[in-house]
Amino acid sequence: MKRFLIVATHGSEDVERATIPFALSNAIIKAGNEVVIFLAANAVELVKKGEAEKISAPNFPPLRDLLSNLIKSKTKIITCLPCAKNRAIKPEDAIAGVSFGAGPELAAEMASADNVVSF
């Protein structure tokens, strides 16, 4: 089993780029590997309650389904706290199953990952 760190930076401004990290993460888990997702920049908006329901990229499953699968599989999803603060998103605004962190958490996940992918 390999461990992947996926860093996502796109939100609703580009639904395809917002969806790809979650679709890839689901595929990686289905293949028997582990994934940690770190959301930065506009991607932090995706964990706001009700936001994933608004995202549907052509030819991809809806983001709400991809995100739900990841949370059910206990995938670690870390939301950049400074990025969230810049967008007035508080931890209580986020869906259940995500955490908040910053540079130290990202650095630790990078150090323990076999592969780091950024979108």
PDB file of N, CA and C in Angstrom:
ATOM      1  N   MET A   1       0.844  -1.171   0.000  1.00  0.00           N
ATOM      2  CA  MET A   1       0.000   0.000   0.000  1.00  0.00           C
ATOM      3  C   MET A   1       0.894   1.241   0.000  1.00  0.00           C
ATOM      4  N   LYS A   2       0.523   2.192  -0.831  1.00  0.00           N
ATOM      5  CA  LYS A   2       1.232   3.469  -0.900  1.00  0.00           C
ATOM      6  C   LYS A   2       0.382   4.556  -0.275  1.00  0.00           C
ATOM      7  N   ARG A   3       1.058   5.613   0.129  1.00  0.00           N
ATOM      8  CA  ARG A   3       0.380   6.752   0.748  1.00  0.00           C
ATOM      9  C   ARG A   3       0.548   7.968  -0.156  1.00  0.00           C
ATOM     10  N   PHE A   4      -0.581   8.577  -0.522  1.00  0.00           N
ATOM     11  CA  PHE A   4      -0.590   9.729  -1.418  1.00  0.00           C
ATOM     12  C   PHE A   4      -1.051  10.965  -0.661  1.00  0.00           C
ATOM     13  N   LEU A   5      -0.413  12.085  -0.944  1.00  0.00           N
ATOM     14  CA  LEU A   5      -0.878  13.385  -0.478  1.00  0.00           C
ATOM     15  C   LEU A   5      -1.348  14.141  -1.709  1.00  0.00           C
ATOM     16  N   ILE A   6      -2.610  14.534  -1.697  1.00  0.00           N
ATOM     17  CA  ILE A   6      -3.186  15.309  -2.784  1.00  0.00           C
ATOM     18  C   ILE A   6      -3.401  16.728  -2.265  1.00  0.00           C
ATOM     19  N   VAL A   7      -2.799  17.715  -2.922  1.00  0.00           N
ATOM     20  CA  VAL A   7      -2.983  19.112  -2.549  1.00  0.00           C
ATOM     21  C   VAL A   7      -3.881  19.752  -3.601  1.00  0.00           C
ATOM     22  N   ALA A   8      -5.041  20.231  -3.162  1.00  0.00           N
ATOM     23  CA  ALA A   8      -6.028  20.833  -4.066  1.00  0.00           C
ATOM     24  C   ALA A   8      -6.105  22.333  -3.803  1.00  0.00           C
ATOM     25  N   THR A   9      -6.198  23.114  -4.888  1.00  0.00           N
ATOM     26  CA  THR A   9      -6.227  24.567  -4.740  1.00  0.00           C
ATOM     27  C   THR A   9      -7.404  25.246  -5.454  1.00  0.00           C
ATOM     28  N   HIS A  10      -8.231  24.487  -6.159  1.00  0.00           N
ATOM     29  CA  HIS A  10      -9.314  25.098  -6.932  1.00  0.00           C
ATOM     30  C   HIS A  10     -10.671  24.837  -6.291  1.00  0.00           C
ATOM     31  N   GLY A  11     -11.536  25.843  -6.384  1.00  0.00           N
ATOM     32  CA  GLY A  11     -12.889  25.743  -5.858  1.00  0.00           C
ATOM     33  C   GLY A  11     -13.911  25.903  -6.954  1.00  0.00           C
ATOM     34  N   SER A  12     -15.009  26.525  -6.626  1.00  0.00           N
ATOM     35  CA  SER A  12     -16.124  26.634  -7.561  1.00  0.00           C
ATOM     36  C   SER A  12     -15.825  27.501  -8.778  1.00  0.00           C
ATOM     37  N   GLU A  13     -14.723  28.230  -8.776  1.00  0.00           N
ATOM     38  CA  GLU A  13     -14.358  29.035  -9.948  1.00  0.00           C
ATOM     39  C   GLU A  13     -13.979  28.152 -11.136  1.00  0.00           C
ATOM     40  N   ASP A  14     -13.629  26.897 -10.877  1.00  0.00           N
ATOM     41  CA  ASP A  14     -13.289  25.946 -11.945  1.00  0.00           C
ATOM     42  C   ASP A  14     -13.729  24.562 -11.482  1.00  0.00           C
ATOM     43  N   VAL A  15     -14.963  24.193 -11.817  1.00  0.00           N
ATOM     44  CA  VAL A  15     -15.538  22.958 -11.279  1.00  0.00           C
ATOM     45  C   VAL A  15     -14.775  21.705 -11.683  1.00  0.00           C
ATOM     46  N   GLU A  16     -14.191  21.709 -12.875  1.00  0.00           N
ATOM     47  CA  GLU A  16     -13.433  20.536 -13.294  1.00  0.00           C
ATOM     48  C   GLU A  16     -12.174  20.381 -12.440  1.00  0.00           C
ATOM     49  N   ARG A  17     -11.420  21.449 -12.286  1.00  0.00           N
ATOM     50  CA  ARG A  17     -10.204  21.383 -11.465  1.00  0.00           C
ATOM     51  C   ARG A  17     -10.521  21.157  -9.989  1.00  0.00           C
ATOM     52  N   ALA A  18     -11.689  21.577  -9.555  1.00  0.00           N
ATOM     53  CA  ALA A  18     -12.101  21.329  -8.176  1.00  0.00           C
ATOM     54  C   ALA A  18     -12.435  19.857  -7.965  1.00  0.00           C
ATOM     55  N   THR A  19     -12.967  19.209  -8.986  1.00  0.00           N
ATOM     56  CA  THR A  19     -13.432  17.827  -8.878  1.00  0.00           C
ATOM     57  C   THR A  19     -12.318  16.802  -9.047  1.00  0.00           C
ATOM     58  N   ILE A  20     -11.369  17.071  -9.909  1.00  0.00           N
ATOM     59  CA  ILE A  20     -10.328  16.087 -10.236  1.00  0.00           C
ATOM     60  C   ILE A  20      -9.607  15.534  -9.009  1.00  0.00           C
ATOM     61  N   PRO A  21      -9.166  16.346  -8.047  1.00  0.00           N
ATOM     62  CA  PRO A  21      -8.467  15.757  -6.890  1.00  0.00           C
ATOM     63  C   PRO A  21      -9.318  14.759  -6.115  1.00  0.00           C
ATOM     64  N   PHE A  22     -10.611  15.000  -6.038  1.00  0.00           N
ATOM     65  CA  PHE A  22     -11.502  14.103  -5.311  1.00  0.00           C
ATOM     66  C   PHE A  22     -11.775  12.830  -6.108  1.00  0.00           C
ATOM     67  N   ALA A  23     -11.902  12.953  -7.423  1.00  0.00           N
ATOM     68  CA  ALA A  23     -12.074  11.765  -8.267  1.00  0.00           C
ATOM     69  C   ALA A  23     -10.826  10.894  -8.214  1.00  0.00           C
ATOM     70  N   LEU A  24      -9.665  11.519  -8.308  1.00  0.00           N
ATOM     71  CA  LEU A  24      -8.403  10.774  -8.233  1.00  0.00           C
ATOM     72  C   LEU A  24      -8.243  10.110  -6.869  1.00  0.00           C
ATOM     73  N   SER A  25      -8.582  10.825  -5.812  1.00  0.00           N
ATOM     74  CA  SER A  25      -8.475  10.256  -4.463  1.00  0.00           C
ATOM     75  C   SER A  25      -9.351   9.021  -4.316  1.00  0.00           C
ATOM     76  N   ASN A  26     -10.560   9.072  -4.847  1.00  0.00           N
ATOM     77  CA  ASN A  26     -11.436   7.900  -4.803  1.00  0.00           C
ATOM     78  C   ASN A  26     -10.824   6.722  -5.553  1.00  0.00           C
ATOM     79  N   ALA A  27     -10.213   6.980  -6.709  1.00  0.00           N
ATOM     80  CA  ALA A  27      -9.576   5.912  -7.485  1.00  0.00           C
ATOM     81  C   ALA A  27      -8.381   5.326  -6.737  1.00  0.00           C
ATOM     82  N   ILE A  28      -7.611   6.166  -6.094  1.00  0.00           N
ATOM     83  CA  ILE A  28      -6.441   5.701  -5.335  1.00  0.00           C
ATOM     84  C   ILE A  28      -6.883   4.801  -4.186  1.00  0.00           C
ATOM     85  N   ILE A  29      -7.929   5.197  -3.487  1.00  0.00           N
ATOM     86  CA  ILE A  29      -8.439   4.382  -2.383  1.00  0.00           C
ATOM     87  C   ILE A  29      -8.998   3.068  -2.893  1.00  0.00           C
ATOM     88  N   LYS A  30      -9.721   3.128  -3.995  1.00  0.00           N
ATOM     89  CA  LYS A  30     -10.287   1.902  -4.582  1.00  0.00           C
ATOM     90  C   LYS A  30      -9.188   0.913  -4.964  1.00  0.00           C
ATOM     91  N   ALA A  31      -8.017   1.431  -5.318  1.00  0.00           N
ATOM     92  CA  ALA A  31      -6.879   0.574  -5.672  1.00  0.00           C
ATOM     93  C   ALA A  31      -6.155   0.042  -4.436  1.00  0.00           C
ATOM     94  N   GLY A  32      -6.646   0.382  -3.244  1.00  0.00           N
ATOM     95  CA  GLY A  32      -6.074  -0.164  -2.022  1.00  0.00           C
ATOM     96  C   GLY A  32      -4.996   0.689  -1.379  1.00  0.00           C
ATOM     97  N   ASN A  33      -4.910   1.933  -1.762  1.00  0.00           N
ATOM     98  CA  ASN A  33      -3.903   2.825  -1.204  1.00  0.00           C
ATOM     99  C   ASN A  33      -4.546   3.829  -0.247  1.00  0.00           C
ATOM    100  N   GLU A  34      -3.705   4.605   0.414  1.00  0.00           N
ATOM    101  CA  GLU A  34      -4.168   5.605   1.374  1.00  0.00           C
ATOM    102  C   GLU A  34      -3.987   7.000   0.785  1.00  0.00           C
ATOM    103  N   VAL A  35      -4.917   7.891   1.107  1.00  0.00           N
ATOM    104  CA  VAL A  35      -4.863   9.268   0.618  1.00  0.00           C
ATOM    105  C   VAL A  35      -5.068  10.235   1.776  1.00  0.00           C
ATOM    106  N   VAL A  36      -4.325  11.321   1.736  1.00  0.00           N
ATOM    107  CA  VAL A  36      -4.575  12.486   2.572  1.00  0.00           C
ATOM    108  C   VAL A  36      -4.781  13.636   1.602  1.00  0.00           C
ATOM    109  N   ILE A  37      -5.819  14.426   1.834  1.00  0.00           N
ATOM    110  CA  ILE A  37      -6.094  15.582   0.978  1.00  0.00           C
ATOM    111  C   ILE A  37      -5.856  16.844   1.800  1.00  0.00           C
ATOM    112  N   PHE A  38      -5.091  17.767   1.222  1.00  0.00           N
ATOM    113  CA  PHE A  38      -4.885  19.072   1.838  1.00  0.00           C
ATOM    114  C   PHE A  38      -5.502  20.107   0.925  1.00  0.00           C
ATOM    115  N   LEU A  39      -6.477  20.854   1.448  1.00  0.00           N
ATOM    116  CA  LEU A  39      -7.172  21.868   0.674  1.00  0.00           C
ATOM    117  C   LEU A  39      -6.584  23.233   0.982  1.00  0.00           C
ATOM    118  N   ALA A  40      -6.176  23.952  -0.062  1.00  0.00           N
ATOM    119  CA  ALA A  40      -5.595  25.278   0.088  1.00  0.00           C
ATOM    120  C   ALA A  40      -6.248  26.235  -0.906  1.00  0.00           C
ATOM    121  N   ALA A  41      -5.972  27.519  -0.737  1.00  0.00           N
ATOM    122  CA  ALA A  41      -6.498  28.568  -1.622  1.00  0.00           C
ATOM    123  C   ALA A  41      -8.017  28.396  -1.766  1.00  0.00           C
ATOM    124  N   ASN A  42      -8.555  28.496  -2.973  1.00  0.00           N
ATOM    125  CA  ASN A  42     -10.004  28.429  -3.183  1.00  0.00           C
ATOM    126  C   ASN A  42     -10.616  27.071  -2.862  1.00  0.00           C
ATOM    127  N   ALA A  43      -9.813  26.018  -2.812  1.00  0.00           N
ATOM    128  CA  ALA A  43     -10.349  24.685  -2.521  1.00  0.00           C
ATOM    129  C   ALA A  43     -10.952  24.589  -1.122  1.00  0.00           C
ATOM    130  N   VAL A  44     -10.554  25.472  -0.210  1.00  0.00           N
ATOM    131  CA  VAL A  44     -11.124  25.418   1.137  1.00  0.00           C
ATOM    132  C   VAL A  44     -12.627  25.670   1.120  1.00  0.00           C
ATOM    133  N   GLU A  45     -13.105  26.376   0.111  1.00  0.00           N
ATOM    134  CA  GLU A  45     -14.543  26.653   0.016  1.00  0.00           C
ATOM    135  C   GLU A  45     -15.363  25.376  -0.163  1.00  0.00           C
ATOM    136  N   LEU A  46     -14.743  24.317  -0.665  1.00  0.00           N
ATOM    137  CA  LEU A  46     -15.462  23.084  -0.972  1.00  0.00           C
ATOM    138  C   LEU A  46     -15.954  22.348   0.269  1.00  0.00           C
ATOM    139  N   VAL A  47     -15.385  22.643   1.444  1.00  0.00           N
ATOM    140  CA  VAL A  47     -15.813  21.957   2.661  1.00  0.00           C
ATOM    141  C   VAL A  47     -16.886  22.722   3.424  1.00  0.00           C
ATOM    142  N   LYS A  48     -17.283  23.876   2.910  1.00  0.00           N
ATOM    143  CA  LYS A  48     -18.396  24.592   3.543  1.00  0.00           C
ATOM    144  C   LYS A  48     -19.673  23.772   3.374  1.00  0.00           C
ATOM    145  N   LYS A  49     -20.460  23.726   4.420  1.00  0.00           N
ATOM    146  CA  LYS A  49     -21.731  22.995   4.353  1.00  0.00           C
ATOM    147  C   LYS A  49     -22.536  23.488   3.154  1.00  0.00           C
ATOM    148  N   GLY A  50     -22.984  22.556   2.314  1.00  0.00           N
ATOM    149  CA  GLY A  50     -23.811  22.863   1.155  1.00  0.00           C
ATOM    150  C   GLY A  50     -23.046  23.210  -0.111  1.00  0.00           C
ATOM    151  N   GLU A  51     -21.758  23.450  -0.023  1.00  0.00           N
ATOM    152  CA  GLU A  51     -20.989  23.877  -1.201  1.00  0.00           C
ATOM    153  C   GLU A  51     -20.770  22.728  -2.198  1.00  0.00           C
ATOM    154  N   ALA A  52     -20.440  21.550  -1.714  1.00  0.00           N
ATOM    155  CA  ALA A  52     -20.171  20.418  -2.618  1.00  0.00           C
ATOM    156  C   ALA A  52     -21.390  20.074  -3.467  1.00  0.00           C
ATOM    157  N   GLU A  53     -22.574  20.326  -2.950  1.00  0.00           N
ATOM    158  CA  GLU A  53     -23.797  20.040  -3.700  1.00  0.00           C
ATOM    159  C   GLU A  53     -23.928  20.924  -4.934  1.00  0.00           C
ATOM    160  N   LYS A  54     -23.229  22.035  -4.968  1.00  0.00           N
ATOM    161  CA  LYS A  54     -23.301  22.974  -6.088  1.00  0.00           C
ATOM    162  C   LYS A  54     -22.310  22.649  -7.205  1.00  0.00           C
ATOM    163  N   ILE A  55     -21.399  21.702  -6.961  1.00  0.00           N
ATOM    164  CA  ILE A  55     -20.299  21.437  -7.897  1.00  0.00           C
ATOM    165  C   ILE A  55     -20.579  20.151  -8.668  1.00  0.00           C
ATOM    166  N   SER A  56     -20.686  20.272  -9.980  1.00  0.00           N
ATOM    167  CA  SER A  56     -20.880  19.107 -10.837  1.00  0.00           C
ATOM    168  C   SER A  56     -20.166  19.368 -12.157  1.00  0.00           C
ATOM    169  N   ALA A  57     -19.018  18.746 -12.322  1.00  0.00           N
ATOM    170  CA  ALA A  57     -18.232  18.905 -13.544  1.00  0.00           C
ATOM    171  C   ALA A  57     -18.695  17.891 -14.592  1.00  0.00           C
ATOM    172  N   PRO A  58     -18.773  18.301 -15.846  1.00  0.00           N
ATOM    173  CA  PRO A  58     -19.185  17.372 -16.901  1.00  0.00           C
ATOM    174  C   PRO A  58     -18.310  16.116 -16.918  1.00  0.00           C
ATOM    175  N   ASN A  59     -18.951  14.973 -17.061  1.00  0.00           N
ATOM    176  CA  ASN A  59     -18.296  13.670 -17.197  1.00  0.00           C
ATOM    177  C   ASN A  59     -17.603  13.182 -15.934  1.00  0.00           C
ATOM    178  N   PHE A  60     -17.894  13.787 -14.790  1.00  0.00           N
ATOM    179  CA  PHE A  60     -17.385  13.344 -13.493  1.00  0.00           C
ATOM    180  C   PHE A  60     -18.580  13.096 -12.582  1.00  0.00           C
ATOM    181  N   PRO A  61     -18.410  12.229 -11.583  1.00  0.00           N
ATOM    182  CA  PRO A  61     -19.467  12.120 -10.573  1.00  0.00           C
ATOM    183  C   PRO A  61     -19.612  13.457  -9.844  1.00  0.00           C
ATOM    184  N   PRO A  62     -20.780  13.738  -9.291  1.00  0.00           N
ATOM    185  CA  PRO A  62     -20.942  14.983  -8.527  1.00  0.00           C
ATOM    186  C   PRO A  62     -19.955  15.036  -7.365  1.00  0.00           C
ATOM    187  N   LEU A  63     -19.485  16.224  -7.072  1.00  0.00           N
ATOM    188  CA  LEU A  63     -18.510  16.384  -5.996  1.00  0.00           C
ATOM    189  C   LEU A  63     -19.072  15.894  -4.668  1.00  0.00           C
ATOM    190  N   ARG A  64     -20.354  16.123  -4.424  1.00  0.00           N
ATOM    191  CA  ARG A  64     -20.938  15.691  -3.143  1.00  0.00           C
ATOM    192  C   ARG A  64     -20.764  14.185  -2.949  1.00  0.00           C
ATOM    193  N   ASP A  65     -20.888  13.399  -4.036  1.00  0.00           N
ATOM    194  CA  ASP A  65     -20.731  11.946  -3.935  1.00  0.00           C
ATOM    195  C   ASP A  65     -19.269  11.566  -3.707  1.00  0.00           C
ATOM    196  N   LEU A  66     -18.372  12.208  -4.428  1.00  0.00           N
ATOM    197  CA  LEU A  66     -16.944  11.924  -4.263  1.00  0.00           C
ATOM    198  C   LEU A  66     -16.487  12.253  -2.846  1.00  0.00           C
ATOM    199  N   LEU A  67     -16.898  13.404  -2.362  1.00  0.00           N
ATOM    200  CA  LEU A  67     -16.525  13.833  -1.016  1.00  0.00           C
ATOM    201  C   LEU A  67     -17.139  12.923   0.036  1.00  0.00           C
ATOM    202  N   SER A  68     -18.379  12.551  -0.147  1.00  0.00           N
ATOM    203  CA  SER A  68     -19.052  11.648   0.785  1.00  0.00           C
ATOM    204  C   SER A  68     -18.335  10.300   0.866  1.00  0.00           C
ATOM    205  N   ASN A  69     -17.928   9.763  -0.289  1.00  0.00           N
ATOM    206  CA  ASN A  69     -17.189   8.493  -0.300  1.00  0.00           C
ATOM    207  C   ASN A  69     -15.897   8.609   0.490  1.00  0.00           C
ATOM    208  N   LEU A  70     -15.203   9.724   0.338  1.00  0.00           N
ATOM    209  CA  LEU A  70     -13.933   9.910   1.036  1.00  0.00           C
ATOM    210  C   LEU A  70     -14.139  10.012   2.543  1.00  0.00           C
ATOM    211  N   ILE A  71     -15.154  10.718   2.948  1.00  0.00           N
ATOM    212  CA  ILE A  71     -15.419  10.848   4.379  1.00  0.00           C
ATOM    213  C   ILE A  71     -15.841   9.506   4.965  1.00  0.00           C
ATOM    214  N   LYS A  72     -16.660   8.753   4.241  1.00  0.00           N
ATOM    215  CA  LYS A  72     -17.072   7.426   4.714  1.00  0.00           C
ATOM    216  C   LYS A  72     -15.876   6.476   4.836  1.00  0.00           C
ATOM    217  N   SER A  73     -14.881   6.653   3.976  1.00  0.00           N
ATOM    218  CA  SER A  73     -13.695   5.787   4.031  1.00  0.00           C
ATOM    219  C   SER A  73     -12.656   6.302   5.021  1.00  0.00           C
ATOM    220  N   LYS A  74     -13.008   7.339   5.766  1.00  0.00           N
ATOM    221  CA  LYS A  74     -12.133   7.921   6.795  1.00  0.00           C
ATOM    222  C   LYS A  74     -10.875   8.551   6.214  1.00  0.00           C
ATOM    223  N   THR A  75     -10.971   9.049   4.985  1.00  0.00           N
ATOM    224  CA  THR A  75      -9.852   9.760   4.369  1.00  0.00           C
ATOM    225  C   THR A  75      -9.600  11.040   5.157  1.00  0.00           C
ATOM    226  N   LYS A  76      -8.351  11.291   5.437  1.00  0.00           N
ATOM    227  CA  LYS A  76      -7.972  12.507   6.160  1.00  0.00           C
ATOM    228  C   LYS A  76      -8.033  13.687   5.196  1.00  0.00           C
ATOM    229  N   ILE A  77      -8.890  14.660   5.516  1.00  0.00           N
ATOM    230  CA  ILE A  77      -9.037  15.869   4.708  1.00  0.00           C
ATOM    231  C   ILE A  77      -8.687  17.052   5.601  1.00  0.00           C
ATOM    232  N   ILE A  78      -7.598  17.718   5.261  1.00  0.00           N
ATOM    233  CA  ILE A  78      -7.115  18.856   6.051  1.00  0.00           C
ATOM    234  C   ILE A  78      -7.382  20.135   5.272  1.00  0.00           C
ATOM    235  N   THR A  79      -8.004  21.090   5.931  1.00  0.00           N
ATOM    236  CA  THR A  79      -8.314  22.378   5.328  1.00  0.00           C
ATOM    237  C   THR A  79      -7.313  23.407   5.845  1.00  0.00           C
ATOM    238  N   CYS A  80      -6.701  24.137   4.928  1.00  0.00           N
ATOM    239  CA  CYS A  80      -5.727  25.160   5.303  1.00  0.00           C
ATOM    240  C   CYS A  80      -6.414  26.234   6.145  1.00  0.00           C
ATOM    241  N   LEU A  81      -6.009  26.349   7.388  1.00  0.00           N
ATOM    242  CA  LEU A  81      -6.642  27.304   8.289  1.00  0.00           C
ATOM    243  C   LEU A  81      -6.423  28.754   7.858  1.00  0.00           C
ATOM    244  N   PRO A  82      -5.198  29.170   7.492  1.00  0.00           N
ATOM    245  CA  PRO A  82      -5.049  30.549   7.021  1.00  0.00           C
ATOM    246  C   PRO A  82      -5.885  30.842   5.769  1.00  0.00           C
ATOM    247  N   CYS A  83      -5.961  29.888   4.853  1.00  0.00           N
ATOM    248  CA  CYS A  83      -6.763  30.071   3.640  1.00  0.00           C
ATOM    249  C   CYS A  83      -8.237  30.195   3.996  1.00  0.00           C
ATOM    250  N   ALA A  84      -8.694  29.373   4.946  1.00  0.00           N
ATOM    251  CA  ALA A  84     -10.084  29.437   5.382  1.00  0.00           C
ATOM    252  C   ALA A  84     -10.375  30.785   6.042  1.00  0.00           C
ATOM    253  N   LYS A  85      -9.472  31.236   6.898  1.00  0.00           N
ATOM    254  CA  LYS A  85      -9.669  32.539   7.555  1.00  0.00           C
ATOM    255  C   LYS A  85      -9.742  33.657   6.517  1.00  0.00           C
ATOM    256  N   ASN A  86      -8.934  33.573   5.469  1.00  0.00           N
ATOM    257  CA  ASN A  86      -8.969  34.588   4.409  1.00  0.00           C
ATOM    258  C   ASN A  86     -10.311  34.633   3.700  1.00  0.00           C
ATOM    259  N   ARG A  87     -11.077  33.558   3.792  1.00  0.00           N
ATOM    260  CA  ARG A  87     -12.385  33.462   3.137  1.00  0.00           C
ATOM    261  C   ARG A  87     -13.529  33.444   4.154  1.00  0.00           C
ATOM    262  N   ALA A  88     -13.220  33.827   5.381  1.00  0.00           N
ATOM    263  CA  ALA A  88     -14.206  33.897   6.466  1.00  0.00           C
ATOM    264  C   ALA A  88     -14.911  32.557   6.714  1.00  0.00           C
ATOM    265  N   ILE A  89     -14.177  31.460   6.546  1.00  0.00           N
ATOM    266  CA  ILE A  89     -14.721  30.126   6.819  1.00  0.00           C
ATOM    267  C   ILE A  89     -14.186  29.678   8.171  1.00  0.00           C
ATOM    268  N   LYS A  90     -15.102  29.369   9.061  1.00  0.00           N
ATOM    269  CA  LYS A  90     -14.737  28.906  10.402  1.00  0.00           C
ATOM    270  C   LYS A  90     -14.925  27.387  10.460  1.00  0.00           C
ATOM    271  N   PRO A  91     -14.220  26.717  11.368  1.00  0.00           N
ATOM    272  CA  PRO A  91     -14.395  25.262  11.482  1.00  0.00           C
ATOM    273  C   PRO A  91     -15.857  24.831  11.628  1.00  0.00           C
ATOM    274  N   GLU A  92     -16.669  25.620  12.306  1.00  0.00           N
ATOM    275  CA  GLU A  92     -18.081  25.243  12.460  1.00  0.00           C
ATOM    276  C   GLU A  92     -18.870  25.382  11.159  1.00  0.00           C
ATOM    277  N   ASP A  93     -18.312  26.051  10.163  1.00  0.00           N
ATOM    278  CA  ASP A  93     -18.953  26.170   8.847  1.00  0.00           C
ATOM    279  C   ASP A  93     -18.700  24.942   7.971  1.00  0.00           C
ATOM    280  N   ALA A  94     -17.760  24.102   8.389  1.00  0.00           N
ATOM    281  CA  ALA A  94     -17.324  22.971   7.566  1.00  0.00           C
ATOM    282  C   ALA A  94     -18.169  21.722   7.814  1.00  0.00           C
ATOM    283  N   ILE A  95     -18.186  20.877   6.817  1.00  0.00           N
ATOM    284  CA  ILE A  95     -18.875  19.590   6.943  1.00  0.00           C
ATOM    285  C   ILE A  95     -18.140  18.717   7.958  1.00  0.00           C
ATOM    286  N   ALA A  96     -18.842  17.763   8.507  1.00  0.00           N
ATOM    287  CA  ALA A  96     -18.233  16.826   9.454  1.00  0.00           C
ATOM    288  C   ALA A  96     -17.208  15.955   8.726  1.00  0.00           C
ATOM    289  N   GLY A  97     -16.133  15.653   9.410  1.00  0.00           N
ATOM    290  CA  GLY A  97     -15.137  14.744   8.846  1.00  0.00           C
ATOM    291  C   GLY A  97     -13.904  15.422   8.305  1.00  0.00           C
ATOM    292  N   VAL A  98     -13.846  16.745   8.351  1.00  0.00           N
ATOM    293  CA  VAL A  98     -12.643  17.448   7.906  1.00  0.00           C
ATOM    294  C   VAL A  98     -11.981  18.117   9.099  1.00  0.00           C
ATOM    295  N   SER A  99     -10.675  18.339   8.979  1.00  0.00           N
ATOM    296  CA  SER A  99      -9.940  19.026  10.029  1.00  0.00           C
ATOM    297  C   SER A  99      -9.288  20.273   9.440  1.00  0.00           C
ATOM    298  N   PHE A 100      -8.693  21.067  10.296  1.00  0.00           N
ATOM    299  CA  PHE A 100      -8.019  22.282   9.866  1.00  0.00           C
ATOM    300  C   PHE A 100      -6.568  22.217  10.314  1.00  0.00           C
ATOM    301  N   GLY A 101      -5.686  22.747   9.483  1.00  0.00           N
ATOM    302  CA  GLY A 101      -4.269  22.764   9.803  1.00  0.00           C
ATOM    303  C   GLY A 101      -3.570  23.818   8.970  1.00  0.00           C
ATOM    304  N   ALA A 102      -2.261  23.849   9.088  1.00  0.00           N
ATOM    305  CA  ALA A 102      -1.474  24.856   8.374  1.00  0.00           C
ATOM    306  C   ALA A 102      -0.156  24.223   7.916  1.00  0.00           C
ATOM    307  N   GLY A 103       0.838  25.056   7.779  1.00  0.00           N
ATOM    308  CA  GLY A 103       2.133  24.604   7.269  1.00  0.00           C
ATOM    309  C   GLY A 103       2.719  23.392   7.978  1.00  0.00           C
ATOM    310  N   PRO A 104       2.735  23.362   9.314  1.00  0.00           N
ATOM    311  CA  PRO A 104       3.319  22.195   9.984  1.00  0.00           C
ATOM    312  C   PRO A 104       2.613  20.885   9.632  1.00  0.00           C
ATOM    313  N   GLU A 105       1.285  20.919   9.544  1.00  0.00           N
ATOM    314  CA  GLU A 105       0.543  19.700   9.190  1.00  0.00           C
ATOM    315  C   GLU A 105       0.823  19.292   7.746  1.00  0.00           C
ATOM    316  N   LEU A 106       0.876  20.269   6.849  1.00  0.00           N
ATOM    317  CA  LEU A 106       1.195  19.971   5.452  1.00  0.00           C
ATOM    318  C   LEU A 106       2.592  19.395   5.341  1.00  0.00           C
ATOM    319  N   ALA A 107       3.554  19.985   6.022  1.00  0.00           N
ATOM    320  CA  ALA A 107       4.931  19.489   5.982  1.00  0.00           C
ATOM    321  C   ALA A 107       5.027  18.060   6.510  1.00  0.00           C
ATOM    322  N   ALA A 108       4.313  17.765   7.584  1.00  0.00           N
ATOM    323  CA  ALA A 108       4.328  16.405   8.138  1.00  0.00           C
ATOM    324  C   ALA A 108       3.728  15.408   7.160  1.00  0.00           C
ATOM    325  N   GLU A 109       2.638  15.788   6.501  1.00  0.00           N
ATOM    326  CA  GLU A 109       2.009  14.883   5.529  1.00  0.00           C
ATOM    327  C   GLU A 109       2.906  14.682   4.309  1.00  0.00           C
ATOM    328  N   MET A 110       3.588  15.744   3.885  1.00  0.00           N
ATOM    329  CA  MET A 110       4.521  15.609   2.758  1.00  0.00           C
ATOM    330  C   MET A 110       5.649  14.647   3.102  1.00  0.00           C
ATOM    331  N   ALA A 111       6.157  14.745   4.321  1.00  0.00           N
ATOM    332  CA  ALA A 111       7.276  13.908   4.743  1.00  0.00           C
ATOM    333  C   ALA A 111       6.901  12.434   4.816  1.00  0.00           C
ATOM    334  N   SER A 112       5.626  12.149   5.108  1.00  0.00           N
ATOM    335  CA  SER A 112       5.230  10.742   5.262  1.00  0.00           C
ATOM    336  C   SER A 112       4.571  10.153   4.008  1.00  0.00           C
ATOM    337  N   ALA A 113       4.414  10.964   2.964  1.00  0.00           N
ATOM    338  CA  ALA A 113       3.762  10.476   1.738  1.00  0.00           C
ATOM    339  C   ALA A 113       4.771   9.814   0.809  1.00  0.00           C
ATOM    340  N   ASP A 114       4.314   8.790   0.095  1.00  0.00           N
ATOM    341  CA  ASP A 114       5.124   8.180  -0.962  1.00  0.00           C
ATOM    342  C   ASP A 114       5.067   9.029  -2.236  1.00  0.00           C
ATOM    343  N   ASN A 115       3.918   9.680  -2.419  1.00  0.00           N
ATOM    344  CA  ASN A 115       3.695  10.511  -3.605  1.00  0.00           C
ATOM    345  C   ASN A 115       2.932  11.764  -3.213  1.00  0.00           C
ATOM    346  N   VAL A 116       3.324  12.902  -3.769  1.00  0.00           N
ATOM    347  CA  VAL A 116       2.618  14.155  -3.541  1.00  0.00           C
ATOM    348  C   VAL A 116       2.151  14.660  -4.904  1.00  0.00           C
ATOM    349  N   VAL A 117       0.856  14.939  -5.000  1.00  0.00           N
ATOM    350  CA  VAL A 117       0.267  15.419  -6.249  1.00  0.00           C
ATOM    351  C   VAL A 117      -0.449  16.729  -5.940  1.00  0.00           C
ATOM    352  N   SER A 118      -0.265  17.724  -6.783  1.00  0.00           N
ATOM    353  CA  SER A 118      -0.884  19.022  -6.561  1.00  0.00           C
ATOM    354  C   SER A 118      -1.746  19.410  -7.763  1.00  0.00           C
ATOM    355  N   PHE A 119      -2.928  19.942  -7.454  1.00  0.00           N
ATOM    356  CA  PHE A 119      -3.859  20.403  -8.489  1.00  0.00           C
ATOM    357  C   PHE A 119      -4.209  21.843  -8.228  1.00  0.00           C
TER     358      PHE A 119
END
